């Protein structure tokens, strides 16, 4: 279950695009992940047991930026990369998971060893892992105590891992694509929700540009957040 006391929202269009840090994350997919995308494996089948209608089986979608797919995290394969992203100062400011790999591992294990209400994923764009996502049941999350939740509300947390991919609208494009995926693959879900930190103005803007509407400010344990919602009923108007 993703915490609501950390700013686990989109670090999508962060001012860190110009930050003084080296972008060393331009990595091609390992052969194992290429095979997973092409053929699937036992792990992909196992995620059918999640409470989100099998995120691992949602498949790829074509976006304006390229072919995109959510691939459920496997610790033995993905931990080093995700930990590196978490140690980017621009990401750490909101996710608060900087430090040794064990810090990120503990965060991931809470979801992987849970009941399937939150699925951590790599976002793979044109064959490159470039973002980290958490797709979660907002109605079963502590967030539900802070707004009038509805059954099957589905939440999104996102960070863009590569500095070169920030600040050019990619977050907006992918947020729209993933929100559409949720609504297409989860027929019981009427709303996609998110709670970006109000201090992260570029993140809030990315959600609004992706078709989410601003609902309220909510006081969460460690942040004041903007509650934003993408409604199935209004989808055709966006």
Protein backbone atom coordinates (compact mmCIF):
# COMPACT_ATOMS: atom_id res chain seq x y z
CA UNK A 1 0.00 0.00 0.00
CA UNK A 2 1.57 3.30 -0.99
CA UNK A 3 1.97 5.71 1.90
CA UNK A 4 -0.08 8.86 2.04
CA UNK A 5 2.43 10.52 4.33
CA UNK A 6 4.99 10.92 1.56
CA UNK A 7 4.54 12.91 -1.58
CA UNK A 8 4.13 9.91 -3.82
CA UNK A 9 2.76 11.85 -6.71
CA UNK A 10 3.93 12.77 -10.17
CA UNK A 11 7.39 14.27 -10.19
CA UNK A 12 6.60 14.66 -13.83
CA UNK A 13 7.50 18.13 -14.96
CA UNK A 14 9.89 19.03 -12.16
CA UNK A 15 12.17 22.01 -12.33
CA UNK A 16 14.90 19.42 -11.91
CA UNK A 17 15.00 19.16 -15.68
CA UNK A 18 17.74 21.71 -15.33
CA UNK A 19 19.16 20.42 -12.08
CA UNK A 20 22.88 19.87 -11.68
CA UNK A 21 22.87 16.09 -11.79
CA UNK A 22 24.07 13.61 -14.37
CA UNK A 23 21.43 11.61 -16.17
CA UNK A 24 22.96 8.14 -16.00
CA UNK A 25 19.68 6.29 -16.38
CA UNK A 26 19.46 5.95 -20.16
CA UNK A 27 19.28 2.17 -19.92
CA UNK A 28 17.98 -0.34 -22.42
CA UNK A 29 15.77 -3.14 -21.21
CA UNK A 30 17.55 -6.24 -19.94
CA UNK A 31 16.85 -9.31 -22.03
CA UNK A 32 14.69 -10.73 -19.24
CA UNK A 33 12.33 -7.76 -19.40
CA UNK A 34 12.22 -7.86 -23.20
CA UNK A 35 11.15 -11.49 -22.93
CA UNK A 36 8.55 -10.60 -20.32
CA UNK A 37 6.98 -7.99 -22.59
CA UNK A 38 7.03 -10.31 -25.58
CA UNK A 39 5.80 -13.52 -24.02
CA UNK A 40 4.80 -12.99 -20.39
CA UNK A 41 5.98 -15.22 -17.55
CA UNK A 42 4.74 -16.71 -14.29
CA UNK A 43 4.94 -13.35 -12.51
CA UNK A 44 2.75 -11.66 -15.10
CA UNK A 45 0.14 -14.35 -14.58
CA UNK A 46 0.39 -14.03 -10.81
CA UNK A 47 -0.61 -10.39 -10.80
CA UNK A 48 -4.08 -11.46 -11.91
CA UNK A 49 -4.54 -12.01 -8.18
CA UNK A 50 -4.28 -8.29 -7.47
CA UNK A 51 -7.34 -6.20 -6.60
CA UNK A 52 -6.95 -4.11 -9.77
CA UNK A 53 -8.07 -6.55 -12.46
CA UNK A 54 -4.58 -7.76 -13.32
CA UNK A 55 -2.41 -4.72 -14.02
CA UNK A 56 0.29 -6.96 -15.50
CA UNK A 57 -2.10 -8.07 -18.22
CA UNK A 58 -3.29 -4.63 -19.29
CA UNK A 59 -0.92 -4.68 -22.26
CA UNK A 60 0.73 -1.90 -24.27
CA UNK A 61 -0.92 1.24 -25.57
CA UNK A 62 0.15 3.66 -28.29
CA UNK A 63 0.60 7.24 -27.10
CA UNK A 64 1.80 10.42 -28.76
CA UNK A 65 5.20 9.70 -27.20
CA UNK A 66 5.44 6.07 -28.33
CA UNK A 67 4.34 2.60 -27.25
CA UNK A 68 3.90 2.48 -23.49
CA UNK A 69 3.34 -0.40 -21.07
CA UNK A 70 3.08 -0.88 -17.32
CA UNK A 71 5.25 -3.80 -16.18
CA UNK A 72 4.83 -4.95 -12.54
CA UNK A 73 8.01 -4.57 -10.52
CA UNK A 74 10.25 -7.52 -9.73
CA UNK A 75 12.69 -6.68 -6.96
CA UNK A 76 15.56 -8.81 -8.22
CA UNK A 77 15.39 -7.10 -11.60
CA UNK A 78 14.23 -3.57 -10.92
CA UNK A 79 15.39 -2.48 -7.45
CA UNK A 80 18.74 -0.91 -8.48
CA UNK A 81 17.12 1.26 -11.13
CA UNK A 82 14.19 2.41 -8.99
CA UNK A 83 16.52 3.14 -6.06
CA UNK A 84 18.67 5.33 -8.32
CA UNK A 85 15.62 7.29 -9.34
CA UNK A 86 14.59 7.72 -5.71
CA UNK A 87 18.00 9.22 -4.97
CA UNK A 88 17.60 11.98 -7.54
CA UNK A 89 17.19 15.11 -5.35
CA UNK A 90 14.18 16.27 -7.38
CA UNK A 91 12.41 12.95 -6.76
CA UNK A 92 13.55 12.57 -3.16
CA UNK A 93 12.04 15.94 -2.26
CA UNK A 94 8.56 14.47 -2.70
CA UNK A 95 8.93 10.68 -2.39
CA UNK A 96 11.28 10.80 0.62
CA UNK A 97 12.89 7.46 -0.24
CA UNK A 98 16.49 8.54 -0.75
CA UNK A 99 19.23 6.40 0.79
CA UNK A 100 20.50 2.84 0.34
CA UNK A 101 18.58 0.33 -1.75
CA UNK A 102 17.08 -1.10 1.42
CA UNK A 103 14.94 2.03 1.82
CA UNK A 104 13.33 1.60 -1.59
CA UNK A 105 13.14 -2.17 -1.12
CA UNK A 106 11.10 -1.77 2.06
CA UNK A 107 8.69 0.56 0.27
CA UNK A 108 8.26 -1.90 -2.62
CA UNK A 109 7.94 -4.97 -0.40
CA UNK A 110 5.03 -3.45 1.51
CA UNK A 111 3.13 -3.49 -1.76
CA UNK A 112 4.48 -6.73 -3.24
CA UNK A 113 3.82 -8.66 -0.03
CA UNK A 114 0.42 -7.07 0.51
CA UNK A 115 -3.04 -8.13 -0.57
CA UNK A 116 -2.85 -6.73 -4.10
CA UNK A 117 -4.45 -3.36 -3.44
CA UNK A 118 -1.35 -1.56 -4.78
CA UNK A 119 0.80 -2.66 -7.72
CA UNK A 120 4.21 -1.01 -8.26
CA UNK A 121 5.21 -0.90 -11.93
CA UNK A 122 7.90 0.23 -14.30
CA UNK A 123 6.65 2.43 -17.10
CA UNK A 124 8.32 1.23 -20.31
CA UNK A 125 8.26 3.59 -23.30
CA UNK A 126 9.48 2.31 -26.67
CA UNK A 127 11.50 -0.41 -24.99
CA UNK A 128 13.04 1.73 -22.25
CA UNK A 129 12.11 1.77 -18.54
CA UNK A 130 11.71 5.48 -17.86
CA UNK A 131 9.17 5.90 -15.07
CA UNK A 132 7.85 4.33 -11.88
CA UNK A 133 4.13 3.97 -11.16
CA UNK A 134 1.91 2.80 -8.35
CA UNK A 135 -1.61 1.82 -9.35
CA UNK A 136 -3.68 1.38 -6.21
CA UNK A 137 -7.18 0.99 -4.86
CA UNK A 138 -7.82 4.45 -3.47
CA UNK A 139 -11.04 3.27 -1.85
CA UNK A 140 -9.01 0.78 0.23
CA UNK A 141 -6.17 3.19 0.97
CA UNK A 142 -5.83 5.54 3.97
CA UNK A 143 -6.51 8.31 1.44
CA UNK A 144 -10.18 7.25 1.54
CA UNK A 145 -10.44 8.73 5.05
CA UNK A 146 -9.80 12.17 3.60
CA UNK A 147 -12.35 12.39 0.78
CA UNK A 148 -15.77 10.87 -0.09
CA UNK A 149 -14.42 7.78 -1.83
CA UNK A 150 -16.46 5.45 -4.00
CA UNK A 151 -16.03 1.68 -4.52
CA UNK A 152 -13.20 0.85 -6.93
CA UNK A 153 -11.76 4.38 -7.05
CA UNK A 154 -8.28 3.82 -8.49
CA UNK A 155 -5.28 5.96 -7.60
CA UNK A 156 -2.10 6.81 -9.47
CA UNK A 157 1.36 7.76 -8.20
CA UNK A 158 4.05 8.54 -10.76
CA UNK A 159 7.64 9.65 -11.09
CA UNK A 160 9.56 10.21 -14.29
CA UNK A 161 12.97 8.65 -13.75
CA UNK A 162 15.11 10.13 -16.48
CA UNK A 163 15.99 13.82 -16.22
CA UNK A 164 15.90 14.15 -20.02
CA UNK A 165 12.21 13.15 -20.02
CA UNK A 166 11.09 15.88 -17.62
CA UNK A 167 9.74 19.31 -18.38
CA UNK A 168 8.48 18.61 -21.91
CA UNK A 169 4.93 17.41 -21.40
CA UNK A 170 5.66 13.69 -21.31
CA UNK A 171 4.13 13.32 -17.85
CA UNK A 172 0.85 14.77 -19.07
CA UNK A 173 0.75 12.42 -22.06
CA UNK A 174 1.46 9.33 -19.96
CA UNK A 175 -0.97 10.32 -17.18
CA UNK A 176 -3.74 10.61 -19.74
CA UNK A 177 -2.80 7.24 -21.27
CA UNK A 178 -2.68 5.44 -17.92
CA UNK A 179 -5.95 6.99 -16.74
CA UNK A 180 -7.53 5.73 -19.97
CA UNK A 181 -5.99 2.30 -19.36
CA UNK A 182 -7.51 2.17 -15.87
CA UNK A 183 -10.96 3.07 -17.18
CA UNK A 184 -10.67 0.63 -20.10
CA UNK A 185 -9.38 -2.32 -18.05
CA UNK A 186 -11.38 -1.73 -14.84
CA UNK A 187 -15.05 -1.52 -15.80
CA UNK A 188 -16.11 -1.23 -12.14
CA UNK A 189 -13.98 1.89 -11.68
CA UNK A 190 -15.81 5.16 -12.26
CA UNK A 191 -13.01 7.50 -11.19
CA UNK A 192 -9.23 7.73 -11.29
CA UNK A 193 -7.84 9.87 -8.47
CA UNK A 194 -4.52 11.35 -7.40
CA UNK A 195 -3.22 13.53 -4.57
CA UNK A 196 -0.12 15.43 -5.70
CA UNK A 197 1.63 17.65 -3.18
CA UNK A 198 0.40 21.22 -3.53
CA UNK A 199 4.03 22.40 -3.47
CA UNK A 200 4.69 20.43 -6.63
CA UNK A 201 3.01 22.88 -8.96
CA UNK A 202 4.28 21.22 -12.17
CA UNK A 203 2.86 17.90 -11.00
CA UNK A 204 -0.57 19.37 -10.26
CA UNK A 205 -0.50 21.08 -13.65
CA UNK A 206 0.36 17.80 -15.40
CA UNK A 207 -2.66 16.07 -13.87
CA UNK A 208 -4.99 18.92 -14.81
CA UNK A 209 -3.62 18.96 -18.36
CA UNK A 210 -4.23 15.19 -18.54
CA UNK A 211 -7.98 15.62 -17.98
CA UNK A 212 -8.16 15.43 -14.20
CA UNK A 213 -10.31 18.01 -12.45
CA UNK A 214 -9.33 19.76 -9.24
CA UNK A 215 -11.68 18.81 -6.38
CA UNK A 216 -10.24 20.01 -3.09
CA UNK A 217 -7.23 20.52 -0.90
CA UNK A 218 -6.78 17.66 1.55
CA UNK A 219 -4.59 17.57 4.63
CA UNK A 220 -2.66 14.30 4.67
CA UNK A 221 -0.26 13.28 7.45
CA UNK A 222 2.86 14.74 5.84
CA UNK A 223 1.61 17.00 3.08
CA UNK A 224 -1.18 19.23 1.93
CA UNK A 225 -2.39 17.73 -1.32
CA UNK A 226 -4.52 18.62 -4.29
CA UNK A 227 -7.20 15.97 -4.78
CA UNK A 228 -7.69 15.57 -8.53
CA UNK A 229 -10.17 13.25 -10.26
CA UNK A 230 -10.63 11.87 -13.75
CA UNK A 231 -14.28 10.85 -14.19
CA UNK A 232 -15.44 8.09 -16.52
CA UNK A 233 -18.68 10.00 -17.06
CA UNK A 234 -16.81 13.05 -18.39
CA UNK A 235 -14.30 11.10 -20.45
CA UNK A 236 -15.90 11.78 -23.81
CA UNK A 237 -15.75 15.52 -23.16
CA UNK A 238 -11.97 15.62 -22.64
